Amino acid sequence: MSKSAKVRQLVFYSGHVQGVGFRYATREVALGFAVNGYVRNLPDGRVELVAEGSAAEVDAFLQAVRAQLEERIARVDRHDQAATGEFPGFTIRG
């Protein structure tokens, strides 16, 4: 896939998303998709997720995360960003 074909989504999840295995579940979901990026807890109680890949893969991945963890999620804020190709895989940060 060419770099120009990649998209990047910055997503913030609010709700009961920390201390419940959200990051680990998200990483497991990511293994089923051709996406790179990370997920991490933020000091304000939200979870931040960055995902890069084809538009179809990123959308499918984010839909799967929402479907699996919807009972924990009160709000989702998605933002388009330029893909950088900086991530070798999908990881949990801090």
Protein backbone atom coordinates (compact mmCIF):
# COMPACT_ATOMS: atom_id res chain seq x y z
CA MET A 1 0.00 0.00 0.00
CA SER A 2 1.38 3.41 -0.85
CA LYS A 3 1.82 6.01 1.85
CA SER A 4 -0.79 8.23 0.16
CA ALA A 5 -3.38 5.46 0.54
CA LYS A 6 -3.07 5.51 4.33
CA VAL A 7 -5.29 7.44 6.69
CA ARG A 8 -4.86 8.31 10.35
CA GLN A 9 -7.57 8.65 12.95
CA LEU A 10 -7.08 10.20 16.39
CA VAL A 11 -9.88 8.98 18.65
CA PHE A 12 -10.77 9.91 22.21
CA TYR A 13 -13.05 7.60 24.20
CA SER A 14 -14.88 8.89 27.27
CA GLY A 15 -16.91 6.92 29.80
CA HIS A 16 -15.86 4.09 32.09
CA VAL A 17 -12.81 3.37 29.95
CA GLN A 18 -9.90 3.22 32.40
CA GLY A 19 -9.15 0.40 34.82
CA VAL A 20 -11.39 -2.03 32.92
CA GLY A 21 -8.98 -3.61 30.42
CA PHE A 22 -9.98 -1.21 27.63
CA ARG A 23 -6.44 -0.81 26.28
CA TYR A 24 -5.74 -4.54 26.31
CA ALA A 25 -9.04 -5.37 24.61
CA THR A 26 -8.34 -2.70 21.99
CA ARG A 27 -4.90 -4.17 21.26
CA GLU A 28 -6.45 -7.62 20.85
CA VAL A 29 -9.02 -6.24 18.40
CA ALA A 30 -6.19 -4.52 16.48
CA LEU A 31 -4.52 -7.88 15.85
CA GLY A 32 -7.37 -8.74 13.49
CA PHE A 33 -6.87 -5.68 11.30
CA ALA A 34 -4.10 -4.20 9.17
CA VAL A 35 -3.69 -1.14 11.40
CA ASN A 36 -0.77 0.42 13.23
CA GLY A 37 -0.79 2.90 16.09
CA TYR A 38 -1.34 2.93 19.82
CA VAL A 39 -3.83 3.21 22.64
CA ARG A 40 -3.17 4.90 25.98
CA ASN A 41 -4.87 6.28 29.07
CA LEU A 42 -4.97 10.05 29.52
CA PRO A 43 -4.76 11.86 32.87
CA ASP A 44 -8.29 13.27 32.40
CA GLY A 45 -9.86 9.80 32.40
CA ARG A 46 -10.22 9.41 28.62
CA VAL A 47 -8.49 6.86 26.40
CA GLU A 48 -6.61 8.07 23.32
CA LEU A 49 -6.28 5.85 20.28
CA VAL A 50 -4.31 6.53 17.11
CA ALA A 51 -4.82 4.20 14.16
CA GLU A 52 -3.23 4.25 10.71
CA GLY A 53 -3.97 2.05 7.73
CA SER A 54 -6.26 2.01 4.73
CA ALA A 55 -9.52 3.90 5.24
CA ALA A 56 -11.49 0.64 5.11
CA GLU A 57 -9.27 -1.12 7.68
CA VAL A 58 -9.21 1.83 10.09
CA ASP A 59 -13.00 2.22 9.89
CA ALA A 60 -13.60 -1.50 10.39
CA PHE A 61 -11.16 -1.58 13.32
CA LEU A 62 -12.81 1.39 15.04
CA GLN A 63 -16.25 -0.14 14.50
CA ALA A 64 -15.04 -3.40 16.06
CA VAL A 65 -13.59 -1.56 19.07
CA ARG A 66 -16.88 0.26 19.57
CA ALA A 67 -18.91 -2.94 19.19
CA GLN A 68 -16.78 -4.86 21.69
CA LEU A 69 -16.50 -2.09 24.28
CA GLU A 70 -19.69 -0.09 23.76
CA GLU A 71 -20.95 -0.66 27.30
CA ARG A 72 -17.89 1.25 28.58
CA ILE A 73 -18.02 4.11 26.05
CA ALA A 74 -20.12 7.22 26.66
CA ARG A 75 -18.59 9.38 23.93
CA VAL A 76 -16.30 9.01 20.91
CA ASP A 77 -14.49 11.96 19.33
CA ARG A 78 -12.77 11.14 16.01
CA HIS A 79 -10.35 13.42 14.21
CA ASP A 80 -8.71 12.96 10.79
CA GLN A 81 -4.96 13.49 10.71
CA ALA A 82 -2.23 13.00 8.14
CA ALA A 83 -0.75 9.49 8.21
CA THR A 84 2.94 9.43 9.13
CA GLY A 85 3.80 5.75 8.87
CA GLU A 86 5.72 6.06 12.14
CA PHE A 87 4.23 3.03 13.88
CA PRO A 88 5.69 -0.46 13.38
CA GLY A 89 2.61 -2.13 14.88
CA PHE A 90 -0.18 -1.49 17.36
CA THR A 91 0.90 -0.99 20.96
CA ILE A 92 -0.27 0.02 24.39
CA ARG A 93 1.41 3.15 25.74
CA GLY A 94 1.61 4.31 29.34
